[in-house]
Amino acid sequence: MDIGCLEVVVPRKDNPFMKFLRVFLIMLCVAFIFLCMVSTWGIGTLIALVIGVACGVGAFFVGRNVNIEFEYSYVEKELRVAKIINKENRKSLGKYDLEKMEIAAPIQSIHLDNYNHKDLKTIDYTSGVINDPDDRYVMFFSDCKVMIEATEDLVNAMRQAEPHKVYRD
């Protein structure tokens, strides 16, 4: 059984602070632009205009990071991770070669006991939500620890590629 390409999309948990910040910046933008329109021209009007435009630009950039999804693409012993912003823009975050992987197992697995003490950089590509059957997997590489939310199909494909490195528990 050969798996050519497998894709999994995991939506990131919404950050309530970012939503609040976006609404707050929009309200500030509207308030300062309105203040600029009703006042007589002077230095205060120019300052209000600059602050209003800056709040509008800030709301735009904060709004871009409200809806984020991670996409895992498994292609020929390689896991590619991309970030999808607002269902429009895709940014490649990394490529992980499974042949260079030391171990992959569920986050609570006893197989990870020898690896958890290592002080490695942790890269989190999960949704931020811990489900009841915890579907988060940890993959250890020589320089980093990668956390993903793997489906059964993705685990089976990785296990087919590297059977002695991928555990299901």
C-alpha atoms as a PDB file:
ATOM      1  CA  MET A   1       0.000   0.000   0.000  1.00  0.00           C
ATOM      2  CA  ASP A   2       1.678   3.198  -1.184  1.00  0.00           C
ATOM      3  CA  ILE A   3       0.411   6.557   0.033  1.00  0.00           C
ATOM      4  CA  GLY A   4       1.355   9.344  -2.364  1.00  0.00           C
ATOM      5  CA  CYS A   5       0.047  12.397  -0.557  1.00  0.00           C
ATOM      6  CA  LEU A   6      -2.004  12.903   2.579  1.00  0.00           C
ATOM      7  CA  GLU A   7      -3.255  16.250   3.876  1.00  0.00           C
ATOM      8  CA  VAL A   8      -4.678  17.114   7.284  1.00  0.00           C
ATOM      9  CA  VAL A   9      -6.006  20.553   8.246  1.00  0.00           C
ATOM     10  CA  VAL A  10      -6.184  21.524  11.929  1.00  0.00           C
ATOM     11  CA  PRO A  11      -7.862  24.816  12.887  1.00  0.00           C
ATOM     12  CA  ARG A  12      -6.101  26.763  15.639  1.00  0.00           C
ATOM     13  CA  LYS A  13      -8.115  27.701  18.721  1.00  0.00           C
ATOM     14  CA  ASP A  14      -9.415  31.270  18.514  1.00  0.00           C
ATOM     15  CA  ASN A  15      -7.563  33.746  20.681  1.00  0.00           C
ATOM     16  CA  PRO A  16     -10.166  35.944  22.440  1.00  0.00           C
ATOM     17  CA  PHE A  17      -7.576  38.639  23.177  1.00  0.00           C
ATOM     18  CA  MET A  18      -6.806  39.066  19.464  1.00  0.00           C
ATOM     19  CA  LYS A  19     -10.511  39.364  18.644  1.00  0.00           C
ATOM     20  CA  PHE A  20     -10.964  41.944  21.398  1.00  0.00           C
ATOM     21  CA  LEU A  21      -7.868  43.859  20.238  1.00  0.00           C
ATOM     22  CA  ARG A  22      -9.153  43.944  16.659  1.00  0.00           C
ATOM     23  CA  VAL A  23     -12.566  45.316  17.692  1.00  0.00           C
ATOM     24  CA  PHE A  24     -10.922  47.818  20.054  1.00  0.00           C
ATOM     25  CA  LEU A  25      -8.576  49.098  17.330  1.00  0.00           C
ATOM     26  CA  ILE A  26     -11.471  49.454  14.879  1.00  0.00           C
ATOM     27  CA  MET A  27     -13.437  51.460  17.441  1.00  0.00           C
ATOM     28  CA  LEU A  28     -10.417  53.691  18.105  1.00  0.00           C
ATOM     29  CA  CYS A  29      -9.924  54.173  14.365  1.00  0.00           C
ATOM     30  CA  VAL A  30     -13.535  55.223  13.854  1.00  0.00           C
ATOM     31  CA  ALA A  31     -13.446  57.519  16.895  1.00  0.00           C
ATOM     32  CA  PHE A  32     -10.239  59.318  15.870  1.00  0.00           C
ATOM     33  CA  ILE A  33     -11.306  59.684  12.227  1.00  0.00           C
ATOM     34  CA  PHE A  34     -14.662  61.079  13.396  1.00  0.00           C
ATOM     35  CA  LEU A  35     -12.836  63.447  15.751  1.00  0.00           C
ATOM     36  CA  CYS A  36     -10.665  64.554  12.861  1.00  0.00           C
ATOM     37  CA  MET A  37     -13.701  65.216  10.655  1.00  0.00           C
ATOM     38  CA  VAL A  38     -15.650  67.335  13.164  1.00  0.00           C
ATOM     39  CA  SER A  39     -12.759  69.461  14.464  1.00  0.00           C
ATOM     40  CA  THR A  40     -11.253  72.526  12.882  1.00  0.00           C
ATOM     41  CA  TRP A  41      -7.917  72.080  11.185  1.00  0.00           C
ATOM     42  CA  GLY A  42      -4.893  72.340  13.420  1.00  0.00           C
ATOM     43  CA  ILE A  43      -2.150  70.263  14.948  1.00  0.00           C
ATOM     44  CA  GLY A  44      -4.677  68.288  17.041  1.00  0.00           C
ATOM     45  CA  THR A  45      -6.618  67.326  13.925  1.00  0.00           C
ATOM     46  CA  LEU A  46      -3.463  66.100  12.226  1.00  0.00           C
ATOM     47  CA  ILE A  47      -2.512  64.051  15.304  1.00  0.00           C
ATOM     48  CA  ALA A  48      -6.034  62.554  15.451  1.00  0.00           C
ATOM     49  CA  LEU A  49      -5.801  61.637  11.762  1.00  0.00           C
ATOM     50  CA  VAL A  50      -2.415  59.941  12.217  1.00  0.00           C
ATOM     51  CA  ILE A  51      -3.634  58.006  15.283  1.00  0.00           C
ATOM     52  CA  GLY A  52      -6.822  56.964  13.452  1.00  0.00           C
ATOM     53  CA  VAL A  53      -4.922  55.693  10.429  1.00  0.00           C
ATOM     54  CA  ALA A  54      -2.415  53.878  12.678  1.00  0.00           C
ATOM     55  CA  CYS A  55      -5.289  52.168  14.547  1.00  0.00           C
ATOM     56  CA  GLY A  56      -6.833  51.130  11.223  1.00  0.00           C
ATOM     57  CA  VAL A  57      -3.546  49.643  10.019  1.00  0.00           C
ATOM     58  CA  GLY A  58      -3.106  47.879  13.373  1.00  0.00           C
ATOM     59  CA  ALA A  59      -6.643  46.433  13.151  1.00  0.00           C
ATOM     60  CA  PHE A  60      -5.862  45.145   9.660  1.00  0.00           C
ATOM     61  CA  PHE A  61      -2.725  43.307  10.781  1.00  0.00           C
ATOM     62  CA  VAL A  62      -4.315  41.959  13.967  1.00  0.00           C
ATOM     63  CA  GLY A  63      -7.308  40.745  11.929  1.00  0.00           C
ATOM     64  CA  ARG A  64      -5.005  38.773   9.641  1.00  0.00           C
ATOM     65  CA  ASN A  65      -3.942  36.587  12.560  1.00  0.00           C
ATOM     66  CA  VAL A  66      -7.358  35.823  14.048  1.00  0.00           C
ATOM     67  CA  ASN A  67      -8.270  32.779  11.903  1.00  0.00           C
ATOM     68  CA  ILE A  68      -5.290  30.409  11.611  1.00  0.00           C
ATOM     69  CA  GLU A  69      -5.185  26.780  10.473  1.00  0.00           C
ATOM     70  CA  PHE A  70      -2.274  24.354  10.209  1.00  0.00           C
ATOM     71  CA  GLU A  71      -2.010  22.018   7.247  1.00  0.00           C
ATOM     72  CA  TYR A  72       0.095  18.868   7.454  1.00  0.00           C
ATOM     73  CA  SER A  73       1.047  17.352   4.109  1.00  0.00           C
ATOM     74  CA  TYR A  74       2.676  13.944   4.095  1.00  0.00           C
ATOM     75  CA  VAL A  75       4.553  13.300   0.843  1.00  0.00           C
ATOM     76  CA  GLU A  76       7.101  10.504   0.381  1.00  0.00           C
ATOM     77  CA  LYS A  77       8.574  10.222   3.907  1.00  0.00           C
ATOM     78  CA  GLU A  78       8.374  13.971   4.447  1.00  0.00           C
ATOM     79  CA  LEU A  79       5.953  15.939   6.583  1.00  0.00           C
ATOM     80  CA  ARG A  80       5.377  19.496   5.398  1.00  0.00           C
ATOM     81  CA  VAL A  81       3.641  21.981   7.667  1.00  0.00           C
ATOM     82  CA  ALA A  82       1.983  25.162   6.420  1.00  0.00           C
ATOM     83  CA  LYS A  83       0.027  27.900   8.152  1.00  0.00           C
ATOM     84  CA  ILE A  84      -3.172  29.058   6.449  1.00  0.00           C
ATOM     85  CA  ILE A  85      -4.123  32.606   7.419  1.00  0.00           C
ATOM     86  CA  ASN A  86      -7.799  33.618   7.084  1.00  0.00           C
ATOM     87  CA  LYS A  87      -8.371  30.762   4.601  1.00  0.00           C
ATOM     88  CA  GLU A  88      -6.525  32.826   1.976  1.00  0.00           C
ATOM     89  CA  ASN A  89      -2.782  32.968   2.458  1.00  0.00           C
ATOM     90  CA  ARG A  90      -0.510  29.982   2.929  1.00  0.00           C
ATOM     91  CA  LYS A  91       2.889  30.207   4.581  1.00  0.00           C
ATOM     92  CA  SER A  92       5.224  27.233   4.654  1.00  0.00           C
ATOM     93  CA  LEU A  93       6.511  26.647   8.188  1.00  0.00           C
ATOM     94  CA  GLY A  94       8.730  23.618   7.812  1.00  0.00           C
ATOM     95  CA  LYS A  95       9.646  20.324   6.205  1.00  0.00           C
ATOM     96  CA  TYR A  96      10.481  17.352   8.387  1.00  0.00           C
ATOM     97  CA  ASP A  97      12.176  14.299   6.939  1.00  0.00           C
ATOM     98  CA  LEU A  98      10.926  11.170   8.704  1.00  0.00           C
ATOM     99  CA  GLU A  99      14.222   9.388   8.072  1.00  0.00           C
ATOM    100  CA  LYS A 100      15.943  11.966  10.313  1.00  0.00           C
ATOM    101  CA  MET A 101      13.282  11.615  13.007  1.00  0.00           C
ATOM    102  CA  GLU A 102      14.332   9.833  16.200  1.00  0.00           C
ATOM    103  CA  ILE A 103      10.868   8.896  17.506  1.00  0.00           C
ATOM    104  CA  ALA A 104       7.188   9.839  17.133  1.00  0.00           C
ATOM    105  CA  ALA A 105       4.563   8.892  19.689  1.00  0.00           C
ATOM    106  CA  PRO A 106       1.464  10.237  21.446  1.00  0.00           C
ATOM    107  CA  ILE A 107       2.266  13.017  23.881  1.00  0.00           C
ATOM    108  CA  GLN A 108       1.593  10.851  26.966  1.00  0.00           C
ATOM    109  CA  SER A 109       3.460   7.796  25.668  1.00  0.00           C
ATOM    110  CA  ILE A 110       5.924   5.897  27.819  1.00  0.00           C
ATOM    111  CA  HIS A 111       8.171   5.591  24.762  1.00  0.00           C
ATOM    112  CA  LEU A 112       8.999   9.288  25.122  1.00  0.00           C
ATOM    113  CA  ASP A 113      10.373   8.972  28.672  1.00  0.00           C
ATOM    114  CA  ASN A 114      13.980   8.854  27.461  1.00  0.00           C
ATOM    115  CA  TYR A 115      13.464  11.889  25.215  1.00  0.00           C
ATOM    116  CA  ASN A 116      11.410  14.273  27.390  1.00  0.00           C
ATOM    117  CA  HIS A 117      14.404  15.277  29.509  1.00  0.00           C
ATOM    118  CA  LYS A 118      16.206  16.740  26.469  1.00  0.00           C
ATOM    119  CA  ASP A 119      16.233  20.526  26.334  1.00  0.00           C
ATOM    120  CA  LEU A 120      15.136  21.041  22.729  1.00  0.00           C
ATOM    121  CA  LYS A 121      13.268  23.814  20.987  1.00  0.00           C
ATOM    122  CA  THR A 122       9.554  22.948  20.964  1.00  0.00           C
ATOM    123  CA  ILE A 123       7.566  23.757  17.831  1.00  0.00           C
ATOM    124  CA  ASP A 124       3.806  23.555  18.392  1.00  0.00           C
ATOM    125  CA  TYR A 125       1.573  23.017  15.340  1.00  0.00           C
ATOM    126  CA  THR A 126      -1.486  21.932  17.333  1.00  0.00           C
ATOM    127  CA  SER A 127      -4.859  23.594  17.707  1.00  0.00           C
ATOM    128  CA  GLY A 128      -4.270  24.462  21.351  1.00  0.00           C
ATOM    129  CA  VAL A 129      -7.217  22.321  22.456  1.00  0.00           C
ATOM    130  CA  ILE A 130      -6.662  19.102  24.390  1.00  0.00           C
ATOM    131  CA  ASN A 131      -9.283  16.590  23.267  1.00  0.00           C
ATOM    132  CA  ASP A 132     -10.478  13.714  25.447  1.00  0.00           C
ATOM    133  CA  PRO A 133      -8.706  11.030  23.470  1.00  0.00           C
ATOM    134  CA  ASP A 134      -5.558  13.138  23.144  1.00  0.00           C
ATOM    135  CA  ASP A 135      -4.576  13.045  19.464  1.00  0.00           C
ATOM    136  CA  ARG A 136      -1.415  15.139  19.836  1.00  0.00           C
ATOM    137  CA  TYR A 137       1.800  13.498  18.675  1.00  0.00           C
ATOM    138  CA  VAL A 138       5.369  14.488  19.459  1.00  0.00           C
ATOM    139  CA  MET A 139       8.156  13.960  16.955  1.00  0.00           C
ATOM    140  CA  PHE A 140      11.726  14.244  18.185  1.00  0.00           C
ATOM    141  CA  PHE A 141      14.500  15.330  15.856  1.00  0.00           C
ATOM    142  CA  SER A 142      18.131  16.003  16.741  1.00  0.00           C
ATOM    143  CA  ASP A 143      17.557  19.755  17.063  1.00  0.00           C
ATOM    144  CA  CYS A 144      13.849  20.188  17.884  1.00  0.00           C
ATOM    145  CA  LYS A 145      10.651  18.674  19.194  1.00  0.00           C
ATOM    146  CA  VAL A 146       7.600  19.026  16.907  1.00  0.00           C
ATOM    147  CA  MET A 147       4.024  18.699  18.199  1.00  0.00           C
ATOM    148  CA  ILE A 148       1.209  17.915  15.749  1.00  0.00           C
ATOM    149  CA  GLU A 149      -2.376  16.672  15.883  1.00  0.00           C
ATOM    150  CA  ALA A 150      -2.274  13.507  13.863  1.00  0.00           C
ATOM    151  CA  THR A 151      -5.220  11.645  12.430  1.00  0.00           C
ATOM    152  CA  GLU A 152      -5.263   7.859  12.228  1.00  0.00           C
ATOM    153  CA  ASP A 153      -4.480   7.992   8.495  1.00  0.00           C
ATOM    154  CA  LEU A 154      -1.459  10.216   9.051  1.00  0.00           C
ATOM    155  CA  VAL A 155      -0.122   7.974  11.821  1.00  0.00           C
ATOM    156  CA  ASN A 156      -0.590   4.914   9.613  1.00  0.00           C
ATOM    157  CA  ALA A 157       1.257   6.587   6.741  1.00  0.00           C
ATOM    158  CA  MET A 158       4.145   7.628   8.997  1.00  0.00           C
ATOM    159  CA  ARG A 159       4.233   4.171  10.562  1.00  0.00           C
ATOM    160  CA  GLN A 160       4.375   2.579   7.116  1.00  0.00           C
ATOM    161  CA  ALA A 161       7.364   4.758   6.238  1.00  0.00           C
ATOM    162  CA  GLU A 162       9.238   4.343   9.551  1.00  0.00           C
ATOM    163  CA  PRO A 163       7.741   1.386  11.481  1.00  0.00           C
ATOM    164  CA  HIS A 164      10.424   1.281  14.196  1.00  0.00           C
ATOM    165  CA  LYS A 165      10.198   4.997  14.991  1.00  0.00           C
ATOM    166  CA  VAL A 166       6.445   5.644  15.115  1.00  0.00           C
ATOM    167  CA  TYR A 167       4.422   4.346  18.057  1.00  0.00           C
ATOM    168  CA  ARG A 168       0.668   4.346  18.601  1.00  0.00           C
ATOM    169  CA  ASP A 169       0.453   3.121  22.204  1.00  0.00           C
END
